[in-house]
Amino acid sequence: MAVVYIQEFPLGPTDDRSTDNYDTIAAKIGAAANPPSGLIVHTAGFDEDAGVFRILDVWRSREEGQAYLDEHIMPAVREVIGDDLSGGEPPSREGWYELHGVIPG
């Protein structure tokens, strides 16, 4: 069953639209050039109506997504932000949910 992994980061009071941390982490992971096994689609962008920067991934399974998160994403996040993750704003929403259906384009 396909699943979603979602993170939402609130926009600050200054309406900063910097994607420096995201771009640096994405470059370190290199997933755009070599997509991970099990990833159906990765998206990231500003949702102005909700006031968040949202990252939304669709995976074939939670196990594949969680393994990639643990083995690739979090080490890169710690390298960029620091071991205690205090260098970045924590997500206001983070989690997984199963999808009822997926229609590939």
N, C-alpha and C. Protein backbone atom coordinates (compact mmCIF):
# COMPACT_ATOMS: atom_id res chain seq x y z
N MET A 1 0.84 -1.18 0.00
CA MET A 1 0.00 0.00 0.00
C MET A 1 0.88 1.24 0.00
N ALA A 2 0.66 2.15 -0.92
CA ALA A 2 1.42 3.39 -1.00
C ALA A 2 1.11 4.28 0.20
N VAL A 3 2.12 5.02 0.62
CA VAL A 3 1.99 5.90 1.78
C VAL A 3 2.57 7.27 1.46
N VAL A 4 2.14 8.25 2.25
CA VAL A 4 2.67 9.61 2.18
C VAL A 4 3.50 9.87 3.42
N TYR A 5 4.63 10.55 3.23
CA TYR A 5 5.38 11.13 4.34
C TYR A 5 5.31 12.63 4.13
N ILE A 6 4.85 13.35 5.14
CA ILE A 6 4.65 14.78 5.02
C ILE A 6 5.36 15.52 6.15
N GLN A 7 5.96 16.66 5.79
CA GLN A 7 6.52 17.59 6.76
C GLN A 7 6.06 18.98 6.36
N GLU A 8 5.69 19.78 7.36
CA GLU A 8 5.34 21.16 7.12
C GLU A 8 6.11 22.03 8.09
N PHE A 9 6.75 23.06 7.54
CA PHE A 9 7.53 24.00 8.32
C PHE A 9 6.85 25.36 8.25
N PRO A 10 6.48 25.93 9.41
CA PRO A 10 5.76 27.20 9.39
C PRO A 10 6.63 28.32 8.84
N LEU A 11 6.00 29.20 8.09
CA LEU A 11 6.70 30.38 7.61
C LEU A 11 6.85 31.33 8.79
N GLY A 12 8.03 31.93 8.90
CA GLY A 12 8.31 32.83 10.01
C GLY A 12 7.62 34.17 9.87
N PRO A 13 7.72 34.98 10.91
CA PRO A 13 7.06 36.29 10.89
C PRO A 13 7.63 37.24 9.84
N THR A 14 8.84 36.96 9.36
CA THR A 14 9.44 37.81 8.34
C THR A 14 9.11 37.32 6.94
N ASP A 15 8.31 36.25 6.85
CA ASP A 15 7.96 35.65 5.56
C ASP A 15 9.19 35.28 4.75
N ASP A 16 10.22 34.78 5.44
CA ASP A 16 11.44 34.33 4.79
C ASP A 16 11.11 33.18 3.84
N ARG A 17 11.55 33.28 2.61
CA ARG A 17 11.30 32.23 1.62
C ARG A 17 12.60 31.53 1.23
N SER A 18 13.55 31.52 2.16
CA SER A 18 14.82 30.86 1.89
C SER A 18 14.64 29.35 1.88
N THR A 19 15.24 28.72 0.90
CA THR A 19 15.24 27.25 0.84
C THR A 19 16.68 26.72 0.97
N ASP A 20 17.54 27.50 1.61
CA ASP A 20 18.95 27.13 1.71
C ASP A 20 19.16 25.76 2.35
N ASN A 21 18.54 25.51 3.52
CA ASN A 21 18.72 24.21 4.18
C ASN A 21 18.20 23.09 3.30
N TYR A 22 16.99 23.25 2.75
CA TYR A 22 16.41 22.22 1.88
C TYR A 22 17.33 21.95 0.68
N ASP A 23 17.78 23.01 0.01
CA ASP A 23 18.61 22.85 -1.18
C ASP A 23 19.95 22.19 -0.85
N THR A 24 20.55 22.56 0.28
CA THR A 24 21.83 21.97 0.67
C THR A 24 21.67 20.48 1.00
N ILE A 25 20.61 20.15 1.73
CA ILE A 25 20.36 18.74 2.08
C ILE A 25 20.05 17.94 0.82
N ALA A 26 19.23 18.49 -0.06
CA ALA A 26 18.90 17.80 -1.32
C ALA A 26 20.16 17.53 -2.15
N ALA A 27 21.06 18.49 -2.19
CA ALA A 27 22.30 18.31 -2.95
C ALA A 27 23.16 17.21 -2.33
N LYS A 28 23.23 17.17 -1.00
CA LYS A 28 24.03 16.14 -0.32
C LYS A 28 23.47 14.74 -0.58
N ILE A 29 22.15 14.63 -0.58
CA ILE A 29 21.51 13.32 -0.79
C ILE A 29 21.65 12.89 -2.24
N GLY A 30 21.50 13.82 -3.16
CA GLY A 30 21.63 13.50 -4.58
C GLY A 30 20.48 12.69 -5.15
N ALA A 31 19.31 12.74 -4.53
CA ALA A 31 18.19 11.91 -4.96
C ALA A 31 17.64 12.31 -6.32
N ALA A 32 17.81 13.58 -6.70
CA ALA A 32 17.29 14.01 -8.00
C ALA A 32 18.00 13.26 -9.13
N ALA A 33 19.29 13.01 -8.96
CA ALA A 33 20.06 12.31 -9.98
C ALA A 33 19.93 10.79 -9.85
N ASN A 34 19.65 10.34 -8.64
CA ASN A 34 19.58 8.90 -8.38
C ASN A 34 18.42 8.63 -7.42
N PRO A 35 17.17 8.64 -7.92
CA PRO A 35 16.02 8.47 -7.03
C PRO A 35 16.07 7.16 -6.24
N PRO A 36 15.69 7.21 -4.97
CA PRO A 36 15.74 6.00 -4.15
C PRO A 36 14.68 4.98 -4.56
N SER A 37 15.01 3.75 -4.33
CA SER A 37 14.07 2.66 -4.60
C SER A 37 12.84 2.84 -3.71
N GLY A 38 11.67 2.73 -4.30
CA GLY A 38 10.44 2.83 -3.54
C GLY A 38 9.80 4.19 -3.56
N LEU A 39 10.54 5.21 -3.98
CA LEU A 39 9.98 6.56 -4.04
C LEU A 39 9.15 6.70 -5.31
N ILE A 40 7.89 7.10 -5.15
CA ILE A 40 7.01 7.33 -6.29
C ILE A 40 7.12 8.77 -6.75
N VAL A 41 7.06 9.71 -5.80
CA VAL A 41 7.23 11.13 -6.14
C VAL A 41 7.65 11.90 -4.89
N HIS A 42 8.48 12.92 -5.10
CA HIS A 42 8.89 13.84 -4.03
C HIS A 42 8.46 15.23 -4.45
N THR A 43 7.86 15.97 -3.54
CA THR A 43 7.48 17.35 -3.81
C THR A 43 7.90 18.23 -2.65
N ALA A 44 8.14 19.50 -2.95
CA ALA A 44 8.47 20.48 -1.91
C ALA A 44 8.09 21.85 -2.43
N GLY A 45 7.47 22.65 -1.58
CA GLY A 45 7.13 23.99 -1.99
C GLY A 45 6.35 24.74 -0.93
N PHE A 46 6.16 26.02 -1.21
CA PHE A 46 5.45 26.91 -0.29
C PHE A 46 3.94 26.82 -0.53
N ASP A 47 3.20 26.60 0.54
CA ASP A 47 1.74 26.67 0.52
C ASP A 47 1.39 27.97 1.24
N GLU A 48 1.19 29.02 0.46
CA GLU A 48 0.94 30.34 1.02
C GLU A 48 -0.35 30.37 1.84
N ASP A 49 -1.39 29.67 1.38
CA ASP A 49 -2.66 29.67 2.11
C ASP A 49 -2.52 29.06 3.50
N ALA A 50 -1.72 28.01 3.61
CA ALA A 50 -1.52 27.34 4.89
C ALA A 50 -0.37 27.97 5.69
N GLY A 51 0.45 28.81 5.05
CA GLY A 51 1.57 29.44 5.73
C GLY A 51 2.69 28.48 6.08
N VAL A 52 2.97 27.52 5.16
CA VAL A 52 4.00 26.52 5.42
C VAL A 52 4.85 26.25 4.17
N PHE A 53 6.04 25.73 4.41
CA PHE A 53 6.84 25.08 3.38
C PHE A 53 6.59 23.60 3.59
N ARG A 54 6.04 22.94 2.57
CA ARG A 54 5.62 21.55 2.71
C ARG A 54 6.50 20.62 1.88
N ILE A 55 6.91 19.53 2.50
CA ILE A 55 7.60 18.44 1.81
C ILE A 55 6.65 17.25 1.87
N LEU A 56 6.36 16.67 0.70
CA LEU A 56 5.41 15.56 0.63
C LEU A 56 6.00 14.51 -0.32
N ASP A 57 6.19 13.32 0.22
CA ASP A 57 6.72 12.20 -0.55
C ASP A 57 5.68 11.09 -0.61
N VAL A 58 5.60 10.43 -1.74
CA VAL A 58 4.78 9.23 -1.87
C VAL A 58 5.74 8.05 -2.06
N TRP A 59 5.60 7.05 -1.20
CA TRP A 59 6.45 5.86 -1.21
C TRP A 59 5.60 4.61 -1.46
N ARG A 60 6.23 3.59 -2.03
CA ARG A 60 5.54 2.30 -2.20
C ARG A 60 5.16 1.71 -0.84
N SER A 61 6.04 1.90 0.15
CA SER A 61 5.77 1.37 1.49
C SER A 61 6.41 2.28 2.53
N ARG A 62 5.85 2.25 3.72
CA ARG A 62 6.42 3.03 4.82
C ARG A 62 7.83 2.53 5.15
N GLU A 63 8.03 1.23 5.05
CA GLU A 63 9.34 0.67 5.39
C GLU A 63 10.43 1.23 4.48
N GLU A 64 10.15 1.32 3.17
CA GLU A 64 11.14 1.87 2.23
C GLU A 64 11.40 3.35 2.53
N GLY A 65 10.33 4.08 2.78
CA GLY A 65 10.48 5.51 3.08
C GLY A 65 11.23 5.74 4.38
N GLN A 66 10.87 4.99 5.42
CA GLN A 66 11.52 5.16 6.72
C GLN A 66 13.00 4.80 6.64
N ALA A 67 13.33 3.74 5.91
CA ALA A 67 14.74 3.35 5.76
C ALA A 67 15.53 4.46 5.07
N TYR A 68 14.97 5.04 4.02
CA TYR A 68 15.67 6.12 3.32
C TYR A 68 15.80 7.35 4.22
N LEU A 69 14.77 7.65 4.97
CA LEU A 69 14.81 8.77 5.90
C LEU A 69 15.92 8.55 6.94
N ASP A 70 15.97 7.36 7.52
CA ASP A 70 16.96 7.05 8.56
C ASP A 70 18.38 6.98 8.03
N GLU A 71 18.55 6.38 6.85
CA GLU A 71 19.90 6.10 6.34
C GLU A 71 20.50 7.22 5.49
N HIS A 72 19.66 8.07 4.92
CA HIS A 72 20.18 9.10 4.01
C HIS A 72 19.78 10.52 4.40
N ILE A 73 18.48 10.72 4.62
CA ILE A 73 18.02 12.09 4.87
C ILE A 73 18.50 12.61 6.22
N MET A 74 18.25 11.87 7.30
CA MET A 74 18.61 12.37 8.62
C MET A 74 20.12 12.58 8.80
N PRO A 75 20.98 11.71 8.28
CA PRO A 75 22.41 12.02 8.38
C PRO A 75 22.77 13.33 7.66
N ALA A 76 22.15 13.60 6.51
CA ALA A 76 22.41 14.85 5.80
C ALA A 76 21.84 16.04 6.58
N VAL A 77 20.67 15.87 7.17
CA VAL A 77 20.08 16.95 7.99
C VAL A 77 21.00 17.27 9.16
N ARG A 78 21.49 16.25 9.84
CA ARG A 78 22.39 16.48 10.99
C ARG A 78 23.69 17.15 10.55
N GLU A 79 24.17 16.80 9.38
CA GLU A 79 25.40 17.41 8.87
C GLU A 79 25.19 18.89 8.58
N VAL A 80 24.03 19.25 8.05
CA VAL A 80 23.75 20.64 7.68
C VAL A 80 23.31 21.46 8.89
N ILE A 81 22.43 20.91 9.71
CA ILE A 81 21.81 21.67 10.80
C ILE A 81 22.52 21.45 12.12
N GLY A 82 23.06 20.28 12.33
CA GLY A 82 23.72 19.96 13.59
C GLY A 82 23.10 18.75 14.24
N ASP A 83 23.84 18.13 15.15
CA ASP A 83 23.38 16.90 15.79
C ASP A 83 22.12 17.09 16.63
N ASP A 84 21.98 18.27 17.24
CA ASP A 84 20.81 18.47 18.09
C ASP A 84 19.63 19.06 17.30
N LEU A 85 19.84 19.28 16.01
CA LEU A 85 18.81 19.80 15.11
C LEU A 85 18.29 21.17 15.53
N SER A 86 19.07 21.89 16.35
CA SER A 86 18.62 23.20 16.84
C SER A 86 18.84 24.31 15.83
N GLY A 87 19.55 24.03 14.76
CA GLY A 87 19.83 25.06 13.76
C GLY A 87 18.68 25.30 12.80
N GLY A 88 17.61 24.56 12.93
CA GLY A 88 16.49 24.73 12.03
C GLY A 88 15.18 24.70 12.77
N GLU A 89 14.18 25.26 12.16
CA GLU A 89 12.83 25.26 12.73
C GLU A 89 12.25 23.85 12.62
N PRO A 90 11.76 23.28 13.73
CA PRO A 90 11.17 21.94 13.64
C PRO A 90 9.87 21.98 12.84
N PRO A 91 9.51 20.88 12.23
CA PRO A 91 8.25 20.86 11.49
C PRO A 91 7.06 21.02 12.44
N SER A 92 6.05 21.74 11.96
CA SER A 92 4.81 21.86 12.74
C SER A 92 3.92 20.65 12.50
N ARG A 93 4.18 19.94 11.42
CA ARG A 93 3.46 18.70 11.11
C ARG A 93 4.45 17.74 10.50
N GLU A 94 4.38 16.49 10.95
CA GLU A 94 5.25 15.45 10.40
C GLU A 94 4.57 14.11 10.62
N GLY A 95 4.51 13.30 9.59
CA GLY A 95 3.90 11.99 9.78
C GLY A 95 3.67 11.23 8.50
N TRP A 96 3.07 10.07 8.66
CA TRP A 96 2.80 9.13 7.59
C TRP A 96 1.31 8.87 7.51
N TYR A 97 0.80 8.59 6.32
CA TYR A 97 -0.54 8.06 6.20
C TYR A 97 -0.64 7.24 4.93
N GLU A 98 -1.53 6.22 4.99
CA GLU A 98 -1.74 5.34 3.84
C GLU A 98 -2.62 6.04 2.82
N LEU A 99 -2.37 5.74 1.57
CA LEU A 99 -3.17 6.28 0.48
C LEU A 99 -4.21 5.26 0.03
N HIS A 100 -5.34 5.74 -0.34
CA HIS A 100 -6.39 4.87 -0.86
C HIS A 100 -6.09 4.52 -2.33
N GLY A 101 -5.52 5.47 -3.06
CA GLY A 101 -5.21 5.22 -4.45
C GLY A 101 -4.12 6.15 -4.96
N VAL A 102 -3.40 5.67 -5.95
CA VAL A 102 -2.37 6.46 -6.62
C VAL A 102 -2.54 6.24 -8.12
N ILE A 103 -2.62 7.32 -8.88
CA ILE A 103 -2.71 7.23 -10.33
C ILE A 103 -1.46 7.89 -10.92
N PRO A 104 -0.55 7.09 -11.45
CA PRO A 104 0.66 7.69 -12.02
C PRO A 104 0.33 8.48 -13.29
N GLY A 105 1.09 9.57 -13.48
CA GLY A 105 0.87 10.41 -14.66
C GLY A 105 1.49 9.86 -15.89
